[in-house]
Amino acid sequence: MTERTAKVWDKDVPVSVHQKSKSVWVAVGTYHGQRIEAKGRSESAALALWRETARYRGG
């Protein structure tokens, strides 16, 4: 598991990223009290999807 930082609007948010299988990466973190999990085909894709989801949920 790797700790990364995702910039959501103006805040740096810690996000954990790990490889679930050969082609599935999972990013997990908490934003505004909500646990957010996103999956992607690469570490960067999972992190980007997590950031996008956090922006959507955070308004």
Protein backbone atom coordinates (compact mmCIF):
# COMPACT_ATOMS: atom_id res chain seq x y z
CA MET A 1 0.00 0.00 0.00
CA THR A 2 1.31 3.41 -0.96
CA GLU A 3 0.35 6.73 0.57
CA ARG A 4 -0.23 9.49 -1.97
CA THR A 5 -1.57 13.02 -1.74
CA ALA A 6 -4.45 14.15 -3.92
CA LYS A 7 -5.24 17.84 -4.37
CA VAL A 8 -9.00 18.34 -4.14
CA TRP A 9 -9.91 21.95 -4.82
CA ASP A 10 -7.43 23.72 -2.52
CA LYS A 11 -6.75 20.91 -0.03
CA ASP A 12 -4.13 18.15 0.00
CA VAL A 13 -5.83 14.90 1.01
CA PRO A 14 -3.98 11.68 1.93
CA VAL A 15 -5.03 8.68 -0.16
CA SER A 16 -3.90 5.04 0.11
CA VAL A 17 -3.34 3.24 -3.19
CA HIS A 18 -2.74 -0.47 -3.61
CA GLN A 19 -2.74 -3.04 -6.39
CA LYS A 20 -5.62 -5.49 -6.00
CA SER A 21 -4.78 -7.62 -9.05
CA LYS A 22 -2.64 -7.40 -12.16
CA SER A 23 -4.88 -4.80 -13.79
CA VAL A 24 -6.83 -3.32 -10.85
CA TRP A 25 -5.58 -0.57 -8.57
CA VAL A 26 -7.64 0.78 -5.67
CA ALA A 27 -7.43 4.26 -4.13
CA VAL A 28 -9.06 4.81 -0.73
CA GLY A 29 -9.33 7.98 1.32
CA THR A 30 -11.67 10.18 3.32
CA TYR A 31 -12.91 13.56 2.12
CA HIS A 32 -15.36 15.68 4.13
CA GLY A 33 -16.03 12.70 6.40
CA GLN A 34 -16.96 10.39 3.52
CA ARG A 35 -14.91 7.31 2.69
CA ILE A 36 -14.23 7.24 -1.03
CA GLU A 37 -12.92 4.24 -2.97
CA ALA A 38 -12.02 4.31 -6.64
CA LYS A 39 -10.65 1.60 -8.95
CA GLY A 40 -8.56 2.02 -12.06
CA ARG A 41 -6.29 0.08 -14.43
CA SER A 42 -3.20 1.87 -13.09
CA GLU A 43 -2.16 3.65 -9.91
CA SER A 44 -2.47 7.06 -11.54
CA ALA A 45 -5.87 6.21 -13.05
CA ALA A 46 -7.24 5.10 -9.67
CA LEU A 47 -5.90 8.25 -8.01
CA ALA A 48 -7.35 10.50 -10.74
CA LEU A 49 -10.75 8.83 -10.43
CA TRP A 50 -10.61 9.19 -6.63
CA ARG A 51 -9.85 12.92 -7.00
CA GLU A 52 -12.70 13.37 -9.49
CA THR A 53 -15.15 11.52 -7.20
CA ALA A 54 -14.09 13.62 -4.19
CA ARG A 55 -14.62 16.84 -6.14
CA TYR A 56 -18.07 15.68 -7.23
CA ARG A 57 -19.14 14.66 -3.71
CA GLY A 58 -17.56 17.68 -2.06
CA GLY A 59 -19.45 20.14 -4.20
